[in-house]
Amino acid sequence: MSCTHTATQRIREFLGCDSLAELIQQEHHQLTDSVMDGFCASCGAYFGQVEPDGRNCHCEECGRNNVSSLLCLIGVC
């Protein structure tokens, strides 16, 4: 699943990082946890915590079923 440009920008702003490497370094503790942050791949809205392999959850902000875990969005899962 790939994110729209707008979604990518919003997710980076929310997490305060500029690159994938910085994101992985910053979120390392979550990458090995049982839950992690979920974001909408369409609009970038923060969803809350989801399972690491969570995908296609409903986004309350844009109404699409494009919320996935951070792992899925960066292509690890």
PDB file of N, CA and C in Angstrom:
ATOM      1  N   MET A   1       0.851  -1.171   0.000  1.00  0.00           N
ATOM      2  CA  MET A   1       0.000   0.000   0.000  1.00  0.00           C
ATOM      3  C   MET A   1       0.896   1.232   0.000  1.00  0.00           C
ATOM      4  N   SER A   2       0.632   2.144  -0.899  1.00  0.00           N
ATOM      5  CA  SER A   2       1.430   3.362  -0.915  1.00  0.00           C
ATOM      6  C   SER A   2       0.568   4.535  -0.459  1.00  0.00           C
ATOM      7  N   CYS A   3       1.229   5.481   0.172  1.00  0.00           N
ATOM      8  CA  CYS A   3       0.546   6.660   0.692  1.00  0.00           C
ATOM      9  C   CYS A   3       0.498   7.750  -0.368  1.00  0.00           C
ATOM     10  N   THR A   4      -0.533   8.580  -0.300  1.00  0.00           N
ATOM     11  CA  THR A   4      -0.564   9.763  -1.143  1.00  0.00           C
ATOM     12  C   THR A   4       0.501  10.728  -0.635  1.00  0.00           C
ATOM     13  N   HIS A   5       0.874  11.678  -1.457  1.00  0.00           N
ATOM     14  CA  HIS A   5       1.875  12.673  -1.052  1.00  0.00           C
ATOM     15  C   HIS A   5       1.395  13.435   0.187  1.00  0.00           C
ATOM     16  N   THR A   6       0.134  13.822   0.181  1.00  0.00           N
ATOM     17  CA  THR A   6      -0.430  14.541   1.329  1.00  0.00           C
ATOM     18  C   THR A   6      -0.359  13.695   2.589  1.00  0.00           C
ATOM     19  N   ALA A   7      -0.710  12.421   2.469  1.00  0.00           N
ATOM     20  CA  ALA A   7      -0.662  11.529   3.629  1.00  0.00           C
ATOM     21  C   ALA A   7       0.765  11.409   4.156  1.00  0.00           C
ATOM     22  N   THR A   8       1.716  11.224   3.251  1.00  0.00           N
ATOM     23  CA  THR A   8       3.122  11.105   3.658  1.00  0.00           C
ATOM     24  C   THR A   8       3.574  12.352   4.407  1.00  0.00           C
ATOM     25  N   GLN A   9       3.228  13.521   3.908  1.00  0.00           N
ATOM     26  CA  GLN A   9       3.604  14.773   4.568  1.00  0.00           C
ATOM     27  C   GLN A   9       2.991  14.874   5.964  1.00  0.00           C
ATOM     28  N   ARG A  10       1.710  14.546   6.091  1.00  0.00           N
ATOM     29  CA  ARG A  10       1.041  14.634   7.392  1.00  0.00           C
ATOM     30  C   ARG A  10       1.627  13.654   8.401  1.00  0.00           C
ATOM     31  N   ILE A  11       1.942  12.451   7.939  1.00  0.00           N
ATOM     32  CA  ILE A  11       2.519  11.443   8.835  1.00  0.00           C
ATOM     33  C   ILE A  11       3.891  11.899   9.305  1.00  0.00           C
ATOM     34  N   ARG A  12       4.716  12.393   8.391  1.00  0.00           N
ATOM     35  CA  ARG A  12       6.051  12.889   8.774  1.00  0.00           C
ATOM     36  C   ARG A  12       5.947  14.047   9.753  1.00  0.00           C
ATOM     37  N   GLU A  13       5.028  14.965   9.508  1.00  0.00           N
ATOM     38  CA  GLU A  13       4.842  16.090  10.423  1.00  0.00           C
ATOM     39  C   GLU A  13       4.393  15.608  11.792  1.00  0.00           C
ATOM     40  N   PHE A  14       3.454  14.673  11.835  1.00  0.00           N
ATOM     41  CA  PHE A  14       2.958  14.144  13.104  1.00  0.00           C
ATOM     42  C   PHE A  14       4.077  13.486  13.898  1.00  0.00           C
ATOM     43  N   LEU A  15       4.910  12.718  13.209  1.00  0.00           N
ATOM     44  CA  LEU A  15       5.993  11.997  13.877  1.00  0.00           C
ATOM     45  C   LEU A  15       7.255  12.844  14.036  1.00  0.00           C
ATOM     46  N   GLY A  16       7.318  13.976  13.350  1.00  0.00           N
ATOM     47  CA  GLY A  16       8.467  14.870  13.469  1.00  0.00           C
ATOM     48  C   GLY A  16       9.734  14.309  12.852  1.00  0.00           C
ATOM     49  N   CYS A  17       9.629  13.678  11.675  1.00  0.00           N
ATOM     50  CA  CYS A  17      10.811  13.114  11.021  1.00  0.00           C
ATOM     51  C   CYS A  17      10.797  13.473   9.538  1.00  0.00           C
ATOM     52  N   ASP A  18      11.994  13.465   8.933  1.00  0.00           N
ATOM     53  CA  ASP A  18      12.130  13.855   7.540  1.00  0.00           C
ATOM     54  C   ASP A  18      12.425  12.694   6.603  1.00  0.00           C
ATOM     55  N   SER A  19      12.833  11.547   7.132  1.00  0.00           N
ATOM     56  CA  SER A  19      13.217  10.435   6.263  1.00  0.00           C
ATOM     57  C   SER A  19      12.782   9.104   6.867  1.00  0.00           C
ATOM     58  N   LEU A  20      12.792   8.076   6.038  1.00  0.00           N
ATOM     59  CA  LEU A  20      12.446   6.732   6.500  1.00  0.00           C
ATOM     60  C   LEU A  20      13.442   6.259   7.555  1.00  0.00           C
ATOM     61  N   ALA A  21      14.724   6.529   7.346  1.00  0.00           N
ATOM     62  CA  ALA A  21      15.735   6.116   8.321  1.00  0.00           C
ATOM     63  C   ALA A  21      15.499   6.775   9.678  1.00  0.00           C
ATOM     64  N   GLU A  22      15.179   8.053   9.657  1.00  0.00           N
ATOM     65  CA  GLU A  22      14.896   8.764  10.904  1.00  0.00           C
ATOM     66  C   GLU A  22      13.638   8.204  11.561  1.00  0.00           C
ATOM     67  N   LEU A  23      12.635   7.898  10.758  1.00  0.00           N
ATOM     68  CA  LEU A  23      11.398   7.315  11.274  1.00  0.00           C
ATOM     69  C   LEU A  23      11.667   5.988  11.960  1.00  0.00           C
ATOM     70  N   ILE A  24      12.428   5.117  11.318  1.00  0.00           N
ATOM     71  CA  ILE A  24      12.740   3.812  11.895  1.00  0.00           C
ATOM     72  C   ILE A  24      13.534   3.964  13.186  1.00  0.00           C
ATOM     73  N   GLN A  25      14.495   4.863  13.194  1.00  0.00           N
ATOM     74  CA  GLN A  25      15.281   5.094  14.408  1.00  0.00           C
ATOM     75  C   GLN A  25      14.380   5.615  15.530  1.00  0.00           C
ATOM     76  N   GLN A  26      13.528   6.558  15.216  1.00  0.00           N
ATOM     77  CA  GLN A  26      12.648   7.178  16.210  1.00  0.00           C
ATOM     78  C   GLN A  26      11.599   6.197  16.717  1.00  0.00           C
ATOM     79  N   GLU A  27      11.079   5.360  15.855  1.00  0.00           N
ATOM     80  CA  GLU A  27       9.982   4.482  16.208  1.00  0.00           C
ATOM     81  C   GLU A  27      10.427   3.043  16.464  1.00  0.00           C
ATOM     82  N   HIS A  28      11.724   2.811  16.654  1.00  0.00           N
ATOM     83  CA  HIS A  28      12.252   1.459  16.819  1.00  0.00           C
ATOM     84  C   HIS A  28      11.520   0.673  17.902  1.00  0.00           C
ATOM     85  N   HIS A  29      11.241   1.315  19.025  1.00  0.00           N
ATOM     86  CA  HIS A  29      10.555   0.611  20.106  1.00  0.00           C
ATOM     87  C   HIS A  29       9.185   0.112  19.667  1.00  0.00           C
ATOM     88  N   GLN A  30       8.504   0.865  18.820  1.00  0.00           N
ATOM     89  CA  GLN A  30       7.192   0.429  18.355  1.00  0.00           C
ATOM     90  C   GLN A  30       7.297  -0.668  17.301  1.00  0.00           C
ATOM     91  N   LEU A  31       8.388  -0.702  16.560  1.00  0.00           N
ATOM     92  CA  LEU A  31       8.532  -1.705  15.507  1.00  0.00           C
ATOM     93  C   LEU A  31       8.614  -3.114  16.068  1.00  0.00           C
ATOM     94  N   THR A  32       8.950  -3.235  17.341  1.00  0.00           N
ATOM     95  CA  THR A  32       9.040  -4.551  17.966  1.00  0.00           C
ATOM     96  C   THR A  32       7.949  -4.759  19.020  1.00  0.00           C
ATOM     97  N   ASP A  33       7.021  -3.845  19.115  1.00  0.00           N
ATOM     98  CA  ASP A  33       5.949  -3.911  20.106  1.00  0.00           C
ATOM     99  C   ASP A  33       4.740  -4.652  19.531  1.00  0.00           C
ATOM    100  N   SER A  34       3.773  -4.911  20.380  1.00  0.00           N
ATOM    101  CA  SER A  34       2.580  -5.636  19.938  1.00  0.00           C
ATOM    102  C   SER A  34       1.535  -4.713  19.319  1.00  0.00           C
ATOM    103  N   VAL A  35       1.641  -3.416  19.529  1.00  0.00           N
ATOM    104  CA  VAL A  35       0.771  -2.434  18.878  1.00  0.00           C
ATOM    105  C   VAL A  35       1.626  -1.278  18.406  1.00  0.00           C
ATOM    106  N   MET A  36       1.126  -0.568  17.428  1.00  0.00           N
ATOM    107  CA  MET A  36       1.858   0.596  16.936  1.00  0.00           C
ATOM    108  C   MET A  36       0.897   1.607  16.346  1.00  0.00           C
ATOM    109  N   ASP A  37       1.434   2.763  15.987  1.00  0.00           N
ATOM    110  CA  ASP A  37       0.614   3.829  15.435  1.00  0.00           C
ATOM    111  C   ASP A  37       0.039   3.436  14.090  1.00  0.00           C
ATOM    112  N   GLY A  38      -1.206   3.836  13.859  1.00  0.00           N
ATOM    113  CA  GLY A  38      -1.867   3.629  12.585  1.00  0.00           C
ATOM    114  C   GLY A  38      -2.173   4.970  11.940  1.00  0.00           C
ATOM    115  N   PHE A  39      -2.020   5.033  10.619  1.00  0.00           N
ATOM    116  CA  PHE A  39      -2.260   6.259   9.867  1.00  0.00           C
ATOM    117  C   PHE A  39      -3.057   5.925   8.612  1.00  0.00           C
ATOM    118  N   CYS A  40      -3.782   6.896   8.109  1.00  0.00           N
ATOM    119  CA  CYS A  40      -4.530   6.720   6.875  1.00  0.00           C
ATOM    120  C   CYS A  40      -3.606   6.986   5.690  1.00  0.00           C
ATOM    121  N   ALA A  41      -3.526   6.032   4.766  1.00  0.00           N
ATOM    122  CA  ALA A  41      -2.693   6.182   3.577  1.00  0.00           C
ATOM    123  C   ALA A  41      -3.301   7.162   2.578  1.00  0.00           C
ATOM    124  N   SER A  42      -4.580   7.489   2.727  1.00  0.00           N
ATOM    125  CA  SER A  42      -5.226   8.432   1.816  1.00  0.00           C
ATOM    126  C   SER A  42      -5.046   9.876   2.250  1.00  0.00           C
ATOM    127  N   CYS A  43      -5.309  10.138   3.542  1.00  0.00           N
ATOM    128  CA  CYS A  43      -5.270  11.532   4.003  1.00  0.00           C
ATOM    129  C   CYS A  43      -4.193  11.801   5.048  1.00  0.00           C
ATOM    130  N   GLY A  44      -3.594  10.762   5.612  1.00  0.00           N
ATOM    131  CA  GLY A  44      -2.524  10.938   6.592  1.00  0.00           C
ATOM    132  C   GLY A  44      -2.988  11.125   8.019  1.00  0.00           C
ATOM    133  N   ALA A  45      -4.281  11.018   8.259  1.00  0.00           N
ATOM    134  CA  ALA A  45      -4.803  11.210   9.622  1.00  0.00           C
ATOM    135  C   ALA A  45      -4.241  10.150  10.567  1.00  0.00           C
ATOM    136  N   TYR A  46      -3.946  10.582  11.792  1.00  0.00           N
ATOM    137  CA  TYR A  46      -3.516   9.652  12.830  1.00  0.00           C
ATOM    138  C   TYR A  46      -4.730   8.888  13.314  1.00  0.00           C
ATOM    139  N   PHE A  47      -4.630   7.579  13.414  1.00  0.00           N
ATOM    140  CA  PHE A  47      -5.747   6.727  13.789  1.00  0.00           C
ATOM    141  C   PHE A  47      -5.685   6.311  15.252  1.00  0.00           C
ATOM    142  N   GLY A  48      -4.495   6.058  15.744  1.00  0.00           N
ATOM    143  CA  GLY A  48      -4.315   5.501  17.072  1.00  0.00           C
ATOM    144  C   GLY A  48      -3.560   4.194  16.951  1.00  0.00           C
ATOM    145  N   GLN A  49      -3.618   3.383  17.971  1.00  0.00           N
ATOM    146  CA  GLN A  49      -2.846   2.143  17.953  1.00  0.00           C
ATOM    147  C   GLN A  49      -3.599   1.016  17.262  1.00  0.00           C
ATOM    148  N   VAL A  50      -2.848   0.263  16.448  1.00  0.00           N
ATOM    149  CA  VAL A  50      -3.373  -0.895  15.728  1.00  0.00           C
ATOM    150  C   VAL A  50      -2.371  -2.036  15.863  1.00  0.00           C
ATOM    151  N   GLU A  51      -2.776  -3.228  15.473  1.00  0.00           N
ATOM    152  CA  GLU A  51      -1.853  -4.364  15.442  1.00  0.00           C
ATOM    153  C   GLU A  51      -0.765  -4.096  14.402  1.00  0.00           C
ATOM    154  N   PRO A  52       0.437  -4.635  14.580  1.00  0.00           N
ATOM    155  CA  PRO A  52       1.516  -4.383  13.612  1.00  0.00           C
ATOM    156  C   PRO A  52       1.162  -4.747  12.175  1.00  0.00           C
ATOM    157  N   ASP A  53       0.308  -5.761  11.979  1.00  0.00           N
ATOM    158  CA  ASP A  53      -0.097  -6.125  10.622  1.00  0.00           C
ATOM    159  C   ASP A  53      -1.474  -5.556  10.256  1.00  0.00           C
ATOM    160  N   GLY A  54      -1.942  -4.601  11.039  1.00  0.00           N
ATOM    161  CA  GLY A  54      -3.247  -3.994  10.797  1.00  0.00           C
ATOM    162  C   GLY A  54      -3.279  -3.188   9.506  1.00  0.00           C
ATOM    163  N   ARG A  55      -4.334  -3.395   8.741  1.00  0.00           N
ATOM    164  CA  ARG A  55      -4.507  -2.642   7.492  1.00  0.00           C
ATOM    165  C   ARG A  55      -5.985  -2.575   7.135  1.00  0.00           C
ATOM    166  N   ASN A  56      -6.300  -1.611   6.290  1.00  0.00           N
ATOM    167  CA  ASN A  56      -7.654  -1.411   5.764  1.00  0.00           C
ATOM    168  C   ASN A  56      -8.691  -1.072   6.828  1.00  0.00           C
ATOM    169  N   CYS A  57      -8.282  -0.406   7.906  1.00  0.00           N
ATOM    170  CA  CYS A  57      -9.235   0.063   8.909  1.00  0.00           C
ATOM    171  C   CYS A  57      -9.907   1.336   8.382  1.00  0.00           C
ATOM    172  N   HIS A  58     -11.064   1.631   8.914  1.00  0.00           N
ATOM    173  CA  HIS A  58     -11.845   2.784   8.473  1.00  0.00           C
ATOM    174  C   HIS A  58     -11.291   4.084   9.060  1.00  0.00           C
ATOM    175  N   CYS A  59     -11.101   5.082   8.211  1.00  0.00           N
ATOM    176  CA  CYS A  59     -10.636   6.405   8.641  1.00  0.00           C
ATOM    177  C   CYS A  59     -11.838   7.299   8.880  1.00  0.00           C
ATOM    178  N   GLU A  60     -11.975   7.791  10.083  1.00  0.00           N
ATOM    179  CA  GLU A  60     -13.086   8.676  10.430  1.00  0.00           C
ATOM    180  C   GLU A  60     -12.956  10.034   9.748  1.00  0.00           C
ATOM    181  N   GLU A  61     -11.729  10.433   9.398  1.00  0.00           N
ATOM    182  CA  GLU A  61     -11.528  11.762   8.824  1.00  0.00           C
ATOM    183  C   GLU A  61     -11.926  11.829   7.347  1.00  0.00           C
ATOM    184  N   CYS A  62     -11.496  10.851   6.539  1.00  0.00           N
ATOM    185  CA  CYS A  62     -11.799  10.906   5.105  1.00  0.00           C
ATOM    186  C   CYS A  62     -12.823   9.858   4.665  1.00  0.00           C
ATOM    187  N   GLY A  63     -13.148   8.898   5.539  1.00  0.00           N
ATOM    188  CA  GLY A  63     -14.155   7.902   5.232  1.00  0.00           C
ATOM    189  C   GLY A  63     -13.688   6.700   4.430  1.00  0.00           C
ATOM    190  N   ARG A  64     -12.408   6.646   4.117  1.00  0.00           N
ATOM    191  CA  ARG A  64     -11.886   5.513   3.346  1.00  0.00           C
ATOM    192  C   ARG A  64     -11.359   4.427   4.283  1.00  0.00           C
ATOM    193  N   ASN A  65     -11.258   3.225   3.784  1.00  0.00           N
ATOM    194  CA  ASN A  65     -10.716   2.099   4.551  1.00  0.00           C
ATOM    195  C   ASN A  65      -9.239   1.916   4.220  1.00  0.00           C
ATOM    196  N   ASN A  66      -8.442   2.948   4.516  1.00  0.00           N
ATOM    197  CA  ASN A  66      -7.023   2.941   4.190  1.00  0.00           C
ATOM    198  C   ASN A  66      -6.114   3.141   5.387  1.00  0.00           C
ATOM    199  N   VAL A  67      -6.607   2.908   6.585  1.00  0.00           N
ATOM    200  CA  VAL A  67      -5.758   3.035   7.767  1.00  0.00           C
ATOM    201  C   VAL A  67      -4.971   1.742   7.948  1.00  0.00           C
ATOM    202  N   SER A  68      -3.656   1.881   8.093  1.00  0.00           N
ATOM    203  CA  SER A  68      -2.780   0.738   8.296  1.00  0.00           C
ATOM    204  C   SER A  68      -1.740   1.081   9.350  1.00  0.00           C
ATOM    205  N   SER A  69      -1.092   0.047   9.877  1.00  0.00           N
ATOM    206  CA  SER A  69      -0.023   0.276  10.840  1.00  0.00           C
ATOM    207  C   SER A  69       1.168   0.917  10.134  1.00  0.00           C
ATOM    208  N   LEU A  70       2.012   1.531  10.924  1.00  0.00           N
ATOM    209  CA  LEU A  70       3.231   2.145  10.392  1.00  0.00           C
ATOM    210  C   LEU A  70       4.080   1.115   9.662  1.00  0.00           C
ATOM    211  N   LEU A  71       4.141  -0.110  10.193  1.00  0.00           N
ATOM    212  CA  LEU A  71       4.914  -1.175   9.534  1.00  0.00           C
ATOM    213  C   LEU A  71       4.400  -1.437   8.124  1.00  0.00           C
ATOM    214  N   CYS A  72       3.101  -1.515   7.966  1.00  0.00           N
ATOM    215  CA  CYS A  72       2.524  -1.753   6.633  1.00  0.00           C
ATOM    216  C   CYS A  72       2.784  -0.576   5.716  1.00  0.00           C
ATOM    217  N   LEU A  73       2.674   0.623   6.235  1.00  0.00           N
ATOM    218  CA  LEU A  73       2.851   1.811   5.399  1.00  0.00           C
ATOM    219  C   LEU A  73       4.280   1.970   4.903  1.00  0.00           C
ATOM    220  N   ILE A  74       5.262   1.512   5.675  1.00  0.00           N
ATOM    221  CA  ILE A  74       6.646   1.631   5.199  1.00  0.00           C
ATOM    222  C   ILE A  74       7.098   0.372   4.461  1.00  0.00           C
ATOM    223  N   GLY A  75       6.179  -0.574   4.292  1.00  0.00           N
ATOM    224  CA  GLY A  75       6.448  -1.740   3.475  1.00  0.00           C
ATOM    225  C   GLY A  75       7.168  -2.887   4.168  1.00  0.00           C
ATOM    226  N   VAL A  76       7.176  -2.894   5.488  1.00  0.00           N
ATOM    227  CA  VAL A  76       7.834  -3.972   6.237  1.00  0.00           C
ATOM    228  C   VAL A  76       6.894  -5.151   6.408  1.00  0.00           C
ATOM    229  N   CYS A  77       5.624  -4.890   6.464  1.00  0.00           N
ATOM    230  CA  CYS A  77       4.630  -5.928   6.745  1.00  0.00           C
ATOM    231  C   CYS A  77       3.760  -6.180   5.543  1.00  0.00           C
TER     232      CYS A  77
END
